[in-house]
Amino acid sequence: MSEVPAAPGRRAPHIHTVQPSDLAAALKAGFRDFRRAPLFGLAIGGVFAGIGTVIVLSLTIWRMPWLIYPFAIGFPLVGPFAAVGLYEVSRRLASGERPSWRDVFAVIWAQRRREVSWMAFVMLFVFWVWMYQVRLLIALCLGLVSFASFGQFLSVVFTTQQGLIFLAAGHVVGGALALVLFSITVFSIPMLLEREVDIVTAMITSLKAVFQSPVVMLGWGVFVTLAVLAASVPLFLGLFVVLPVFGHATWHLYRRALP
């Protein structure tokens, strides 16, 4: 059992090693919370499905279809922040309360003056870095070219040597960014929502929790990412279910790692 730094006068939270059984239990609890309060999950999942669809359609209209693929890959990066409302629903259900729209929205709105808002800035900055490096890699690997359609972009990427180099380099850089962001946010956002800690303490705690159970947590991160990507394929419609289930599950995993 390890301890992490905490603000003066506060007891440092204990970090429990996450086991595969914890992942299964958290996922089961996530499904249970979604069934108990489905409207919250469907609404929050629907909002982000709508945002994703609008952005994809906008990129198509603006004749930038080559950004659709990196956008879809990078979309899961903002998942933890998208689930703030779901964390609150799970917290209330676990405490025996009946969540209401008024209470959940009040908690979400209150985060604008708390540390969670800074975490949102960090996540959006990393997402911006991801999208920027994609454009840079396209220029370096494929040249200053434009693509008439998303299909043409995929054809160049998967059938040419330069395209495969771009694909490999992009996924290496993207994987590194995703690993860093996942490590510092997977538990920090639920922690900031529940406890009075600063953003640095929350990120360090989350990072230590991930490194204490690296294989299990990496597996969880990959599983969540693949599930969100699969849910994004049919115009992000799968996010109506996948996002709330994993949002609720992340809360329960956080409670197991940092009781």
Protein backbone atom coordinates (compact mmCIF):
# COMPACT_ATOMS: atom_id res chain seq x y z
CA MET A 1 0.00 0.00 0.00
CA SER A 2 1.45 3.36 -1.03
CA GLU A 3 0.82 6.92 -0.02
CA VAL A 4 0.79 10.05 -2.12
CA PRO A 5 1.49 13.69 -1.30
CA ALA A 6 -1.40 15.62 0.15
CA ALA A 7 -2.06 19.15 1.22
CA PRO A 8 -0.87 20.04 4.72
CA GLY A 9 -3.31 18.91 7.37
CA ARG A 10 -4.93 16.29 5.15
CA ARG A 11 -4.31 12.58 5.33
CA ALA A 12 -2.74 11.27 2.14
CA PRO A 13 -5.09 8.91 0.29
CA HIS A 14 -4.12 5.25 0.23
CA ILE A 15 -3.69 3.65 -3.17
CA HIS A 16 -4.91 0.08 -3.52
CA THR A 17 -3.42 -2.12 -6.21
CA VAL A 18 -6.02 -2.68 -8.94
CA GLN A 19 -6.65 -6.32 -9.84
CA PRO A 20 -8.36 -7.72 -12.96
CA SER A 21 -11.29 -8.64 -10.73
CA ASP A 22 -11.66 -4.94 -9.89
CA LEU A 23 -12.07 -4.13 -13.58
CA ALA A 24 -14.80 -6.73 -13.95
CA ALA A 25 -16.56 -5.52 -10.81
CA ALA A 26 -16.34 -1.87 -11.89
CA LEU A 27 -17.70 -2.67 -15.35
CA LYS A 28 -20.56 -4.65 -13.82
CA ALA A 29 -21.33 -1.73 -11.50
CA GLY A 30 -21.20 0.62 -14.48
CA PHE A 31 -23.85 -1.41 -16.30
CA ARG A 32 -25.93 -1.47 -13.12
CA ASP A 33 -25.80 2.31 -12.69
CA PHE A 34 -26.69 2.81 -16.35
CA ARG A 35 -29.75 0.59 -15.94
CA ARG A 36 -30.76 2.35 -12.71
CA ALA A 37 -30.48 5.86 -14.17
CA PRO A 38 -30.50 5.46 -17.97
CA LEU A 39 -31.74 8.93 -18.89
CA PHE A 40 -28.62 10.63 -17.51
CA GLY A 41 -26.32 8.34 -19.47
CA LEU A 42 -28.33 8.57 -22.68
CA ALA A 43 -28.46 12.36 -22.45
CA ILE A 44 -24.74 12.82 -21.76
CA GLY A 45 -23.76 10.19 -24.33
CA GLY A 46 -26.12 11.81 -26.82
CA VAL A 47 -24.57 15.25 -26.33
CA PHE A 48 -21.10 13.99 -27.17
CA ALA A 49 -22.39 11.83 -30.01
CA GLY A 50 -23.99 14.96 -31.43
CA ILE A 51 -20.81 16.99 -30.99
CA GLY A 52 -18.77 14.30 -32.74
CA THR A 53 -21.23 14.07 -35.62
CA VAL A 54 -21.32 17.84 -36.12
CA ILE A 55 -17.51 18.05 -36.18
CA VAL A 56 -17.20 15.19 -38.70
CA LEU A 57 -19.83 16.75 -40.96
CA SER A 58 -18.12 20.14 -40.63
CA LEU A 59 -14.75 18.67 -41.61
CA THR A 60 -16.40 17.10 -44.65
CA ILE A 61 -18.09 20.36 -45.67
CA TRP A 62 -14.85 22.30 -45.15
CA ARG A 63 -13.06 19.78 -47.40
CA MET A 64 -10.76 18.58 -44.65
CA PRO A 65 -11.77 14.90 -44.59
CA TRP A 66 -8.22 13.87 -43.75
CA LEU A 67 -8.79 15.20 -40.22
CA ILE A 68 -11.69 12.80 -39.59
CA TYR A 69 -9.44 9.83 -38.83
CA PRO A 70 -7.17 11.61 -36.29
CA PHE A 71 -10.23 13.29 -34.76
CA ALA A 72 -11.92 9.93 -34.25
CA ILE A 73 -8.71 8.49 -32.77
CA GLY A 74 -8.24 11.48 -30.47
CA PHE A 75 -11.88 11.79 -29.42
CA PRO A 76 -11.48 9.31 -26.52
CA LEU A 77 -8.87 11.65 -25.00
CA VAL A 78 -11.63 13.91 -23.70
CA GLY A 79 -13.71 11.00 -22.41
CA PRO A 80 -12.85 11.42 -18.69
CA PHE A 81 -14.05 15.02 -18.68
CA ALA A 82 -17.18 14.08 -20.62
CA ALA A 83 -18.11 11.72 -17.80
CA VAL A 84 -18.15 14.26 -14.94
CA GLY A 85 -21.93 14.17 -14.74
CA LEU A 86 -21.89 10.37 -14.77
CA TYR A 87 -19.46 10.31 -11.85
CA GLU A 88 -21.91 12.41 -9.86
CA VAL A 89 -24.80 10.10 -10.73
CA SER A 90 -22.80 7.06 -9.59
CA ARG A 91 -21.72 8.85 -6.41
CA ARG A 92 -25.32 9.63 -5.50
CA LEU A 93 -26.54 6.13 -6.31
CA ALA A 94 -23.77 4.60 -4.18
CA SER A 95 -24.76 6.80 -1.23
CA GLY A 96 -28.40 5.79 -1.52
CA GLU A 97 -29.57 9.08 -3.01
CA ARG A 98 -31.82 9.46 -6.02
CA PRO A 99 -30.05 11.65 -8.59
CA SER A 100 -32.00 14.48 -10.16
CA TRP A 101 -31.25 16.61 -13.20
CA ARG A 102 -31.10 19.70 -11.01
CA ASP A 103 -28.50 18.22 -8.67
CA VAL A 104 -26.35 16.75 -11.43
CA PHE A 105 -26.33 19.93 -13.50
CA ALA A 106 -25.59 21.96 -10.37
CA VAL A 107 -22.49 19.86 -9.73
CA ILE A 108 -21.36 20.12 -13.37
CA TRP A 109 -21.90 23.89 -13.38
CA ALA A 110 -20.03 24.30 -10.09
CA GLN A 111 -16.89 22.78 -11.61
CA ARG A 112 -16.23 25.96 -13.60
CA ARG A 113 -14.79 27.51 -10.42
CA ARG A 114 -13.02 24.39 -9.20
CA GLU A 115 -9.91 22.46 -10.17
CA VAL A 116 -11.81 20.29 -12.68
CA SER A 117 -11.98 23.27 -15.04
CA TRP A 118 -8.18 23.36 -15.14
CA MET A 119 -8.12 19.66 -15.87
CA ALA A 120 -10.44 20.29 -18.81
CA PHE A 121 -7.92 22.83 -20.10
CA VAL A 122 -5.12 20.25 -19.82
CA MET A 123 -7.15 17.68 -21.74
CA LEU A 124 -8.12 20.10 -24.51
CA PHE A 125 -4.51 21.23 -24.81
CA VAL A 126 -3.31 17.64 -25.26
CA PHE A 127 -6.06 17.09 -27.84
CA TRP A 128 -4.90 20.21 -29.68
CA VAL A 129 -1.30 18.94 -29.62
CA TRP A 130 -2.52 15.62 -31.04
CA MET A 131 -4.38 17.28 -33.92
CA TYR A 132 -1.50 19.66 -34.63
CA GLN A 133 1.12 16.91 -34.78
CA VAL A 134 -1.12 15.01 -37.21
CA ARG A 135 -1.10 17.97 -39.58
CA LEU A 136 2.66 18.28 -39.14
CA LEU A 137 3.22 14.59 -39.86
CA ILE A 138 1.00 14.76 -42.93
CA ALA A 139 3.10 17.63 -44.27
CA LEU A 140 6.36 15.80 -43.50
CA CYS A 141 5.32 12.36 -44.75
CA LEU A 142 2.78 13.05 -47.48
CA GLY A 143 3.68 16.56 -48.53
CA LEU A 144 1.48 19.62 -48.88
CA VAL A 145 -1.38 17.82 -50.56
CA SER A 146 -5.14 17.96 -50.23
CA PHE A 147 -7.52 15.04 -50.32
CA ALA A 148 -10.85 15.17 -52.10
CA SER A 149 -12.45 12.60 -49.85
CA PHE A 150 -11.91 10.58 -46.70
CA GLY A 151 -11.64 7.46 -48.86
CA GLN A 152 -8.79 8.98 -50.87
CA PHE A 153 -6.95 9.85 -47.67
CA LEU A 154 -7.31 6.29 -46.36
CA SER A 155 -6.15 4.89 -49.70
CA VAL A 156 -2.96 6.97 -49.61
CA VAL A 157 -2.29 6.18 -45.96
CA PHE A 158 -2.73 2.41 -46.22
CA THR A 159 -1.34 1.72 -49.71
CA THR A 160 1.80 3.88 -49.97
CA GLN A 161 5.14 3.75 -48.18
CA GLN A 162 4.87 7.37 -47.11
CA GLY A 163 1.37 6.72 -45.82
CA LEU A 164 2.48 3.76 -43.72
CA ILE A 165 5.33 5.84 -42.26
CA PHE A 166 2.81 8.54 -41.36
CA LEU A 167 0.51 5.94 -39.83
CA ALA A 168 3.28 4.41 -37.72
CA ALA A 169 4.70 7.75 -36.55
CA GLY A 170 1.26 9.14 -35.79
CA HIS A 171 0.25 6.18 -33.69
CA VAL A 172 3.52 6.21 -31.74
CA VAL A 173 3.14 9.90 -30.89
CA GLY A 174 -0.58 9.52 -30.28
CA GLY A 175 -0.04 6.51 -28.07
CA ALA A 176 2.47 8.41 -25.95
CA LEU A 177 0.10 11.36 -25.55
CA ALA A 178 -2.80 9.05 -24.72
CA LEU A 179 -0.74 7.19 -22.12
CA VAL A 180 0.27 10.40 -20.38
CA LEU A 181 -3.23 11.85 -20.44
CA PHE A 182 -4.84 8.60 -19.31
CA SER A 183 -2.40 8.26 -16.41
CA ILE A 184 -2.98 11.75 -15.04
CA THR A 185 -6.76 11.91 -15.57
CA VAL A 186 -8.27 8.45 -15.05
CA PHE A 187 -8.55 8.95 -11.28
CA SER A 188 -7.81 12.65 -10.90
CA ILE A 189 -11.13 13.92 -12.24
CA PRO A 190 -13.26 11.71 -9.96
CA MET A 191 -10.92 12.67 -7.12
CA LEU A 192 -11.33 16.40 -7.81
CA LEU A 193 -15.08 15.94 -7.94
CA GLU A 194 -15.26 14.16 -4.58
CA ARG A 195 -12.40 15.59 -2.51
CA GLU A 196 -10.95 18.99 -1.74
CA VAL A 197 -7.54 18.56 -3.35
CA ASP A 198 -5.56 20.63 -5.82
CA ILE A 199 -5.06 19.60 -9.43
CA VAL A 200 -1.37 18.72 -8.99
CA THR A 201 -2.08 16.40 -6.06
CA ALA A 202 -4.90 14.76 -8.01
CA MET A 203 -2.74 14.19 -11.09
CA ILE A 204 0.17 12.80 -9.06
CA THR A 205 -2.19 10.48 -7.20
CA SER A 206 -3.72 9.25 -10.45
CA LEU A 207 -0.28 8.73 -11.97
CA LYS A 208 0.92 6.75 -8.96
CA ALA A 209 -2.22 4.63 -8.97
CA VAL A 210 -1.67 3.74 -12.63
CA PHE A 211 2.01 2.93 -12.10
CA GLN A 212 1.15 0.80 -9.08
CA SER A 213 -0.97 -1.45 -11.33
CA PRO A 214 0.58 -0.79 -14.77
CA VAL A 215 -0.49 -3.89 -16.67
CA VAL A 216 -4.07 -3.91 -15.40
CA MET A 217 -4.56 -0.17 -15.86
CA LEU A 218 -2.95 -0.16 -19.31
CA GLY A 219 -5.28 -2.98 -20.29
CA TRP A 220 -8.23 -0.97 -19.00
CA GLY A 221 -7.14 2.08 -20.97
CA VAL A 222 -6.75 0.10 -24.20
CA PHE A 223 -10.09 -1.64 -23.67
CA VAL A 224 -11.92 1.64 -23.08
CA THR A 225 -10.25 3.29 -26.08
CA LEU A 226 -11.14 0.44 -28.45
CA ALA A 227 -14.71 0.36 -27.15
CA VAL A 228 -15.13 4.12 -27.67
CA LEU A 229 -13.61 3.91 -31.16
CA ALA A 230 -15.94 1.07 -32.09
CA ALA A 231 -18.88 3.04 -30.71
CA SER A 232 -17.84 6.04 -32.81
CA VAL A 233 -17.94 4.23 -36.15
CA PRO A 234 -21.71 4.51 -36.86
CA LEU A 235 -21.87 8.31 -36.52
CA PHE A 236 -20.95 8.06 -32.83
CA LEU A 237 -24.30 6.42 -32.08
CA GLY A 238 -22.67 3.79 -29.89
CA LEU A 239 -21.64 6.53 -27.47
CA PHE A 240 -25.23 6.65 -26.23
CA VAL A 241 -24.46 3.44 -24.32
CA VAL A 242 -20.67 3.01 -24.26
CA LEU A 243 -19.84 6.43 -22.80
CA PRO A 244 -22.22 6.22 -19.82
CA VAL A 245 -21.34 2.61 -19.01
CA PHE A 246 -17.61 3.33 -18.94
CA GLY A 247 -18.19 6.64 -17.18
CA HIS A 248 -20.02 4.92 -14.35
CA ALA A 249 -17.47 2.09 -14.34
CA THR A 250 -14.58 4.54 -14.02
CA TRP A 251 -16.15 6.01 -10.89
CA HIS A 252 -16.41 2.58 -9.30
CA LEU A 253 -12.85 1.73 -10.33
CA TYR A 254 -11.69 4.99 -8.74
CA ARG A 255 -13.46 4.07 -5.49
CA ARG A 256 -11.69 0.70 -5.50
CA ALA A 257 -8.27 2.22 -6.17
CA LEU A 258 -8.71 5.16 -3.78
CA PRO A 259 -11.27 4.13 -1.13
